[in-house]
Amino acid sequence: TISALQRFLKNNGWGYTGSIDGIAGPGTQSAF
């Protein structure tokens, strides 16, 4: 779920720039 969320946040301009690693770290949370 987190990996797909990261793809969503990265590919749709929500500011995620990290790797698709399935870990909801600070970058994932900030973009979310």
Full PDB file with SEQRES, HELIX, SHEET, SSBOND, CRYST1, ORIGX, SCALE, CONECT and MASTER records, all heavy atoms in Angstrom:
SEQRES   1 A   32  THR ILE SER ALA LEU GLN ARG PHE LEU LYS ASN ASN GLY          
SEQRES   2 A   32  TRP GLY TYR THR GLY SER ILE ASP GLY ILE ALA GLY PRO          
SEQRES   3 A   32  GLY THR GLN SER ALA PHE                                      
HELIX    1 AA1 ILE A    2  ASN A   11  1                                  10    
HELIX    2 AA2 PRO A   26  ALA A   31  1                                   6    
CRYST1    1.000    1.000    1.000  90.00  90.00  90.00 P 1           1          
ORIGX1      1.000000  0.000000  0.000000        0.00000                         
ORIGX2      0.000000  1.000000  0.000000        0.00000                         
ORIGX3      0.000000  0.000000  1.000000        0.00000                         
SCALE1      1.000000  0.000000  0.000000        0.00000                         
SCALE2      0.000000  1.000000  0.000000        0.00000                         
SCALE3      0.000000  0.000000  1.000000        0.00000                         
ATOM      1  N   THR A   1       0.841  -1.197   0.000  1.00  0.00           N  
ATOM      2  CA  THR A   1       0.000   0.000   0.000  1.00  0.00           C  
ATOM      3  C   THR A   1       0.875   1.247   0.000  1.00  0.00           C  
ATOM      4  O   THR A   1       0.622   2.198  -0.761  1.00  0.00           O  
ATOM      5  CB  THR A   1      -0.940   0.004   1.225  1.00  0.00           C  
ATOM      6  OG1 THR A   1      -1.761  -1.160   1.182  1.00  0.00           O  
ATOM      7  CG2 THR A   1      -1.822   1.249   1.262  1.00  0.00           C  
ATOM      8  N   ILE A   2       1.911   1.257   0.829  1.00  0.00           N  
ATOM      9  CA  ILE A   2       2.789   2.429   0.911  1.00  0.00           C  
ATOM     10  C   ILE A   2       3.535   2.629  -0.407  1.00  0.00           C  
ATOM     11  O   ILE A   2       3.670   3.765  -0.884  1.00  0.00           O  
ATOM     12  CB  ILE A   2       3.774   2.304   2.093  1.00  0.00           C  
ATOM     13  CG1 ILE A   2       3.019   2.258   3.423  1.00  0.00           C  
ATOM     14  CG2 ILE A   2       4.779   3.453   2.091  1.00  0.00           C  
ATOM     15  CD1 ILE A   2       2.159   3.466   3.727  1.00  0.00           C  
ATOM     16  N   SER A   3       4.004   1.560  -1.039  1.00  0.00           N  
ATOM     17  CA  SER A   3       4.695   1.697  -2.329  1.00  0.00           C  
ATOM     18  C   SER A   3       3.777   2.322  -3.373  1.00  0.00           C  
ATOM     19  O   SER A   3       4.188   3.233  -4.113  1.00  0.00           O  
ATOM     20  CB  SER A   3       5.186   0.329  -2.823  1.00  0.00           C  
ATOM     21  OG  SER A   3       6.218  -0.159  -2.005  1.00  0.00           O  
ATOM     22  N   ALA A   4       2.533   1.857  -3.445  1.00  0.00           N  
ATOM     23  CA  ALA A   4       1.585   2.428  -4.402  1.00  0.00           C  
ATOM     24  C   ALA A   4       1.260   3.878  -4.043  1.00  0.00           C  
ATOM     25  O   ALA A   4       1.139   4.728  -4.931  1.00  0.00           O  
ATOM     26  CB  ALA A   4       0.315   1.582  -4.448  1.00  0.00           C  
ATOM     27  N   LEU A   5       1.145   4.166  -2.747  1.00  0.00           N  
ATOM     28  CA  LEU A   5       0.921   5.544  -2.304  1.00  0.00           C  
ATOM     29  C   LEU A   5       2.098   6.420  -2.738  1.00  0.00           C  
ATOM     30  O   LEU A   5       1.902   7.545  -3.222  1.00  0.00           O  
ATOM     31  CB  LEU A   5       0.735   5.596  -0.785  1.00  0.00           C  
ATOM     32  CG  LEU A   5       0.589   6.986  -0.166  1.00  0.00           C  
ATOM     33  CD1 LEU A   5      -0.679   7.684  -0.658  1.00  0.00           C  
ATOM     34  CD2 LEU A   5       0.584   6.878   1.364  1.00  0.00           C  
ATOM     35  N   GLN A   6       3.317   5.916  -2.590  1.00  0.00           N  
ATOM     36  CA  GLN A   6       4.494   6.680  -3.006  1.00  0.00           C  
ATOM     37  C   GLN A   6       4.475   6.940  -4.513  1.00  0.00           C  
ATOM     38  O   GLN A   6       4.809   8.049  -4.950  1.00  0.00           O  
ATOM     39  CB  GLN A   6       5.776   5.933  -2.613  1.00  0.00           C  
ATOM     40  CG  GLN A   6       6.021   5.946  -1.117  1.00  0.00           C  
ATOM     41  CD  GLN A   6       7.136   5.014  -0.678  1.00  0.00           C  
ATOM     42  OE1 GLN A   6       7.387   3.975  -1.304  1.00  0.00           O  
ATOM     43  NE2 GLN A   6       7.804   5.368   0.412  1.00  0.00           N  
ATOM     44  N   ARG A   7       4.069   5.957  -5.315  1.00  0.00           N  
ATOM     45  CA  ARG A   7       3.957   6.182  -6.758  1.00  0.00           C  
ATOM     46  C   ARG A   7       2.931   7.270  -7.048  1.00  0.00           C  
ATOM     47  O   ARG A   7       3.158   8.156  -7.881  1.00  0.00           O  
ATOM     48  CB  ARG A   7       3.585   4.883  -7.480  1.00  0.00           C  
ATOM     49  CG  ARG A   7       4.766   3.959  -7.708  1.00  0.00           C  
ATOM     50  CD  ARG A   7       4.431   2.792  -8.635  1.00  0.00           C  
ATOM     51  NE  ARG A   7       3.534   1.829  -8.023  1.00  0.00           N  
ATOM     52  CZ  ARG A   7       3.932   0.882  -7.169  1.00  0.00           C  
ATOM     53  NH1 ARG A   7       5.194   0.776  -6.818  1.00  0.00           N  
ATOM     54  NH2 ARG A   7       3.049   0.045  -6.663  1.00  0.00           N  
ATOM     55  N   PHE A   8       1.798   7.210  -6.362  1.00  0.00           N  
ATOM     56  CA  PHE A   8       0.756   8.229  -6.517  1.00  0.00           C  
ATOM     57  C   PHE A   8       1.304   9.618  -6.169  1.00  0.00           C  
ATOM     58  O   PHE A   8       1.124  10.580  -6.928  1.00  0.00           O  
ATOM     59  CB  PHE A   8      -0.443   7.874  -5.624  1.00  0.00           C  
ATOM     60  CG  PHE A   8      -1.420   8.992  -5.403  1.00  0.00           C  
ATOM     61  CD1 PHE A   8      -2.166   9.516  -6.446  1.00  0.00           C  
ATOM     62  CD2 PHE A   8      -1.616   9.517  -4.135  1.00  0.00           C  
ATOM     63  CE1 PHE A   8      -3.075  10.546  -6.236  1.00  0.00           C  
ATOM     64  CE2 PHE A   8      -2.519  10.539  -3.910  1.00  0.00           C  
ATOM     65  CZ  PHE A   8      -3.252  11.055  -4.968  1.00  0.00           C  
ATOM     66  N   LEU A   9       1.987   9.715  -5.041  1.00  0.00           N  
ATOM     67  CA  LEU A   9       2.499  11.015  -4.586  1.00  0.00           C  
ATOM     68  C   LEU A   9       3.623  11.528  -5.481  1.00  0.00           C  
ATOM     69  O   LEU A   9       3.765  12.743  -5.677  1.00  0.00           O  
ATOM     70  CB  LEU A   9       2.983  10.899  -3.135  1.00  0.00           C  
ATOM     71  CG  LEU A   9       1.905  10.555  -2.100  1.00  0.00           C  
ATOM     72  CD1 LEU A   9       2.540  10.217  -0.758  1.00  0.00           C  
ATOM     73  CD2 LEU A   9       0.886  11.687  -1.963  1.00  0.00           C  
ATOM     74  N   LYS A  10       4.399  10.626  -6.053  1.00  0.00           N  
ATOM     75  CA  LYS A  10       5.520  11.001  -6.925  1.00  0.00           C  
ATOM     76  C   LYS A  10       5.036  11.383  -8.319  1.00  0.00           C  
ATOM     77  O   LYS A  10       5.454  12.396  -8.881  1.00  0.00           O  
ATOM     78  CB  LYS A  10       6.508   9.840  -7.010  1.00  0.00           C  
ATOM     79  CG  LYS A  10       7.793  10.169  -7.752  1.00  0.00           C  
ATOM     80  CD  LYS A  10       8.774   9.012  -7.658  1.00  0.00           C  
ATOM     81  CE  LYS A  10      10.142   9.575  -7.330  1.00  0.00           C  
ATOM     82  NZ  LYS A  10      11.117   8.558  -7.011  1.00  0.00           N  
ATOM     83  N   ASN A  11       4.154  10.583  -8.893  1.00  0.00           N  
ATOM     84  CA  ASN A  11       3.747  10.764 -10.283  1.00  0.00           C  
ATOM     85  C   ASN A  11       2.680  11.819 -10.487  1.00  0.00           C  
ATOM     86  O   ASN A  11       2.363  12.149 -11.633  1.00  0.00           O  
ATOM     87  CB  ASN A  11       3.271   9.433 -10.865  1.00  0.00           C  
ATOM     88  CG  ASN A  11       4.378   8.399 -10.894  1.00  0.00           C  
ATOM     89  OD1 ASN A  11       5.555   8.732 -10.925  1.00  0.00           O  
ATOM     90  ND2 ASN A  11       3.992   7.128 -10.875  1.00  0.00           N  
ATOM     91  N   ASN A  12       2.110  12.326  -9.409  1.00  0.00           N  
ATOM     92  CA  ASN A  12       1.021  13.302  -9.544  1.00  0.00           C  
ATOM     93  C   ASN A  12       1.356  14.653  -8.934  1.00  0.00           C  
ATOM     94  O   ASN A  12       0.461  15.441  -8.654  1.00  0.00           O  
ATOM     95  CB  ASN A  12      -0.264  12.730  -8.933  1.00  0.00           C  
ATOM     96  CG  ASN A  12      -0.794  11.592  -9.778  1.00  0.00           C  
ATOM     97  OD1 ASN A  12      -1.352  11.804 -10.834  1.00  0.00           O  
ATOM     98  ND2 ASN A  12      -0.566  10.373  -9.331  1.00  0.00           N  
ATOM     99  N   GLY A  13       2.626  14.899  -8.715  1.00  0.00           N  
ATOM    100  CA  GLY A  13       3.052  16.232  -8.301  1.00  0.00           C  
ATOM    101  C   GLY A  13       2.782  16.605  -6.858  1.00  0.00           C  
ATOM    102  O   GLY A  13       2.665  17.785  -6.545  1.00  0.00           O  
ATOM    103  N   TRP A  14       2.710  15.623  -5.981  1.00  0.00           N  
ATOM    104  CA  TRP A  14       2.449  15.937  -4.573  1.00  0.00           C  
ATOM    105  C   TRP A  14       3.738  16.114  -3.767  1.00  0.00           C  
ATOM    106  O   TRP A  14       3.697  16.276  -2.561  1.00  0.00           O  
ATOM    107  CB  TRP A  14       1.549  14.875  -3.936  1.00  0.00           C  
ATOM    108  CG  TRP A  14       0.222  14.812  -4.622  1.00  0.00           C  
ATOM    109  CD1 TRP A  14      -0.268  13.788  -5.370  1.00  0.00           C  
ATOM    110  CD2 TRP A  14      -0.769  15.832  -4.671  1.00  0.00           C  
ATOM    111  NE1 TRP A  14      -1.497  14.109  -5.877  1.00  0.00           N  
ATOM    112  CE2 TRP A  14      -1.839  15.374  -5.460  1.00  0.00           C  
ATOM    113  CE3 TRP A  14      -0.862  17.126  -4.130  1.00  0.00           C  
ATOM    114  CZ2 TRP A  14      -2.969  16.128  -5.718  1.00  0.00           C  
ATOM    115  CZ3 TRP A  14      -2.008  17.871  -4.391  1.00  0.00           C  
ATOM    116  CH2 TRP A  14      -3.032  17.373  -5.172  1.00  0.00           C  
ATOM    117  N   GLY A  15       4.882  16.087  -4.432  1.00  0.00           N  
ATOM    118  CA  GLY A  15       6.132  16.434  -3.772  1.00  0.00           C  
ATOM    119  C   GLY A  15       6.967  15.278  -3.264  1.00  0.00           C  
ATOM    120  O   GLY A  15       7.985  15.504  -2.617  1.00  0.00           O  
ATOM    121  N   TYR A  16       6.582  14.050  -3.564  1.00  0.00           N  
ATOM    122  CA  TYR A  16       7.410  12.931  -3.121  1.00  0.00           C  
ATOM    123  C   TYR A  16       8.538  12.740  -4.118  1.00  0.00           C  
ATOM    124  O   TYR A  16       8.305  12.577  -5.316  1.00  0.00           O  
ATOM    125  CB  TYR A  16       6.590  11.639  -2.988  1.00  0.00           C  
ATOM    126  CG  TYR A  16       7.423  10.495  -2.455  1.00  0.00           C  
ATOM    127  CD1 TYR A  16       7.911  10.527  -1.156  1.00  0.00           C  
ATOM    128  CD2 TYR A  16       7.756   9.418  -3.257  1.00  0.00           C  
ATOM    129  CE1 TYR A  16       8.697   9.497  -0.657  1.00  0.00           C  
ATOM    130  CE2 TYR A  16       8.529   8.378  -2.773  1.00  0.00           C  
ATOM    131  CZ  TYR A  16       9.004   8.424  -1.472  1.00  0.00           C  
ATOM    132  OH  TYR A  16       9.787   7.415  -0.992  1.00  0.00           O  
ATOM    133  N   THR A  17       9.779  12.751  -3.615  1.00  0.00           N  
ATOM    134  CA  THR A  17      10.947  12.614  -4.485  1.00  0.00           C  
ATOM    135  C   THR A  17      11.812  11.414  -4.112  1.00  0.00           C  
ATOM    136  O   THR A  17      12.834  11.169  -4.743  1.00  0.00           O  
ATOM    137  CB  THR A  17      11.813  13.888  -4.433  1.00  0.00           C  
ATOM    138  OG1 THR A  17      12.221  14.114  -3.075  1.00  0.00           O  
ATOM    139  CG2 THR A  17      11.048  15.103  -4.953  1.00  0.00           C  
ATOM    140  N   GLY A  18      11.420  10.672  -3.114  1.00  0.00           N  
ATOM    141  CA  GLY A  18      12.219   9.538  -2.655  1.00  0.00           C  
ATOM    142  C   GLY A  18      12.023   8.300  -3.510  1.00  0.00           C  
ATOM    143  O   GLY A  18      11.328   8.320  -4.530  1.00  0.00           O  
ATOM    144  N   SER A  19      12.639   7.224  -3.068  1.00  0.00           N  
ATOM    145  CA  SER A  19      12.506   5.955  -3.787  1.00  0.00           C  
ATOM    146  C   SER A  19      11.185   5.282  -3.409  1.00  0.00           C  
ATOM    147  O   SER A  19      10.591   5.573  -2.372  1.00  0.00           O  
ATOM    148  CB  SER A  19      13.687   5.038  -3.465  1.00  0.00           C  
ATOM    149  OG  SER A  19      13.705   4.737  -2.090  1.00  0.00           O  
ATOM    150  N   ILE A  20      10.740   4.395  -4.261  1.00  0.00           N  
ATOM    151  CA  ILE A  20       9.527   3.613  -4.003  1.00  0.00           C  
ATOM    152  C   ILE A  20       9.983   2.408  -3.183  1.00  0.00           C  
ATOM    153  O   ILE A  20      10.363   1.376  -3.725  1.00  0.00           O  
ATOM    154  CB  ILE A  20       8.844   3.174  -5.318  1.00  0.00           C  
ATOM    155  CG1 ILE A  20       8.610   4.365  -6.246  1.00  0.00           C  
ATOM    156  CG2 ILE A  20       7.552   2.410  -5.026  1.00  0.00           C  
ATOM    157  CD1 ILE A  20       7.734   5.460  -5.687  1.00  0.00           C  
ATOM    158  N   ASP A  21       9.973   2.578  -1.856  1.00  0.00           N  
ATOM    159  CA  ASP A  21      10.539   1.555  -0.977  1.00  0.00           C  
ATOM    160  C   ASP A  21       9.528   0.943  -0.010  1.00  0.00           C  
ATOM    161  O   ASP A  21       9.867   0.054   0.760  1.00  0.00           O  
ATOM    162  CB  ASP A  21      11.722   2.123  -0.195  1.00  0.00           C  
ATOM    163  CG  ASP A  21      11.353   3.322   0.675  1.00  0.00           C  
ATOM    164  OD1 ASP A  21      10.154   3.657   0.799  1.00  0.00           O  
ATOM    165  OD2 ASP A  21      12.287   3.930   1.232  1.00  0.00           O  
ATOM    166  N   GLY A  22       8.289   1.420  -0.032  1.00  0.00           N  
ATOM    167  CA  GLY A  22       7.264   0.859   0.845  1.00  0.00           C  
ATOM    168  C   GLY A  22       7.384   1.272   2.298  1.00  0.00           C  
ATOM    169  O   GLY A  22       6.724   0.705   3.156  1.00  0.00           O  
ATOM    170  N   ILE A  23       8.222   2.270   2.574  1.00  0.00           N  
ATOM    171  CA  ILE A  23       8.408   2.752   3.944  1.00  0.00           C  
ATOM    172  C   ILE A  23       7.842   4.163   4.036  1.00  0.00           C  
ATOM    173  O   ILE A  23       8.243   5.046   3.275  1.00  0.00           O  
ATOM    174  CB  ILE A  23       9.903   2.752   4.335  1.00  0.00           C  
ATOM    175  CG1 ILE A  23      10.453   1.319   4.251  1.00  0.00           C  
ATOM    176  CG2 ILE A  23      10.108   3.354   5.721  1.00  0.00           C  
ATOM    177  CD1 ILE A  23      11.962   1.238   4.348  1.00  0.00           C  
ATOM    178  N   ALA A  24       6.936   4.369   4.971  1.00  0.00           N  
ATOM    179  CA  ALA A  24       6.273   5.674   5.115  1.00  0.00           C  
ATOM    180  C   ALA A  24       7.132   6.604   5.967  1.00  0.00           C  
ATOM    181  O   ALA A  24       6.770   6.959   7.078  1.00  0.00           O  
ATOM    182  CB  ALA A  24       4.895   5.496   5.719  1.00  0.00           C  
ATOM    183  N   GLY A  25       8.274   6.996   5.421  1.00  0.00           N  
ATOM    184  CA  GLY A  25       9.183   7.891   6.126  1.00  0.00           C  
ATOM    185  C   GLY A  25       8.756   9.341   6.017  1.00  0.00           C  
ATOM    186  O   GLY A  25       7.659   9.658   5.539  1.00  0.00           O  
ATOM    187  N   PRO A  26       9.611  10.252   6.440  1.00  0.00           N  
ATOM    188  CA  PRO A  26       9.279  11.680   6.449  1.00  0.00           C  
ATOM    189  C   PRO A  26       8.911  12.240   5.079  1.00  0.00           C  
ATOM    190  O   PRO A  26       8.006  13.065   4.972  1.00  0.00           O  
ATOM    191  CB  PRO A  26      10.545  12.352   6.979  1.00  0.00           C  
ATOM    192  CG  PRO A  26      11.369  11.283   7.594  1.00  0.00           C  
ATOM    193  CD  PRO A  26      10.935   9.987   7.004  1.00  0.00           C  
ATOM    194  N   GLY A  27       9.595  11.799   4.014  1.00  0.00           N  
ATOM    195  CA  GLY A  27       9.270  12.292   2.674  1.00  0.00           C  
ATOM    196  C   GLY A  27       7.881  11.866   2.236  1.00  0.00           C  
ATOM    197  O   GLY A  27       7.131  12.649   1.650  1.00  0.00           O  
ATOM    198  N   THR A  28       7.534  10.619   2.510  1.00  0.00           N  
ATOM    199  CA  THR A  28       6.202  10.108   2.163  1.00  0.00           C  
ATOM    200  C   THR A  28       5.144  10.869   2.949  1.00  0.00           C  
ATOM    201  O   THR A  28       4.133  11.311   2.389  1.00  0.00           O  
ATOM    202  CB  THR A  28       6.105   8.598   2.471  1.00  0.00           C  
ATOM    203  OG1 THR A  28       7.130   7.907   1.759  1.00  0.00           O  
ATOM    204  CG2 THR A  28       4.741   8.042   2.097  1.00  0.00           C  
ATOM    205  N   GLN A  29       5.376  11.038   4.245  1.00  0.00           N  
ATOM    206  CA  GLN A  29       4.395  11.721   5.091  1.00  0.00           C  
ATOM    207  C   GLN A  29       4.230  13.181   4.685  1.00  0.00           C  
ATOM    208  O   GLN A  29       3.111  13.702   4.667  1.00  0.00           O  
ATOM    209  CB  GLN A  29       4.790  11.591   6.554  1.00  0.00           C  
ATOM    210  CG  GLN A  29       4.641  10.166   7.050  1.00  0.00           C  
ATOM    211  CD  GLN A  29       4.899  10.014   8.537  1.00  0.00           C  
ATOM    212  OE1 GLN A  29       4.719  10.944   9.301  1.00  0.00           O  
ATOM    213  NE2 GLN A  29       5.319   8.824   8.946  1.00  0.00           N  
ATOM    214  N   SER A  30       5.324  13.846   4.340  1.00  0.00           N  
ATOM    215  CA  SER A  30       5.247  15.247   3.926  1.00  0.00           C  
ATOM    216  C   SER A  30       4.427  15.392   2.639  1.00  0.00           C  
ATOM    217  O   SER A  30       3.562  16.270   2.534  1.00  0.00           O  
ATOM    218  CB  SER A  30       6.659  15.801   3.723  1.00  0.00           C  
ATOM    219  OG  SER A  30       6.602  17.119   3.244  1.00  0.00           O  
ATOM    220  N   ALA A  31       4.686  14.524   1.662  1.00  0.00           N  
ATOM    221  CA  ALA A  31       3.930  14.575   0.408  1.00  0.00           C  
ATOM    222  C   ALA A  31       2.461  14.217   0.638  1.00  0.00           C  
ATOM    223  O   ALA A  31       1.564  14.807   0.024  1.00  0.00           O  
ATOM    224  CB  ALA A  31       4.567  13.632  -0.617  1.00  0.00           C  
ATOM    225  N   PHE A  32       2.204  13.264   1.538  1.00  0.00           N  
ATOM    226  CA  PHE A  32       0.829  12.887   1.856  1.00  0.00           C  
ATOM    227  C   PHE A  32       0.090  14.071   2.485  1.00  0.00           C  
ATOM    228  O   PHE A  32      -1.087  14.304   2.203  1.00  0.00           O  
ATOM    229  CB  PHE A  32       0.822  11.666   2.775  1.00  0.00           C  
ATOM    230  CG  PHE A  32      -0.509  10.984   2.925  1.00  0.00           C  
ATOM    231  CD1 PHE A  32      -1.337  10.734   1.849  1.00  0.00           C  
ATOM    232  CD2 PHE A  32      -0.927  10.543   4.177  1.00  0.00           C  
ATOM    233  CE1 PHE A  32      -2.564  10.081   1.990  1.00  0.00           C  
ATOM    234  CE2 PHE A  32      -2.147   9.897   4.339  1.00  0.00           C  
ATOM    235  CZ  PHE A  32      -2.958   9.673   3.244  1.00  0.00           C  
TER     236      PHE A  32                                                      
MASTER        0    0    0    2    0    0    0    6  235    1    0    3          
END                                                                             
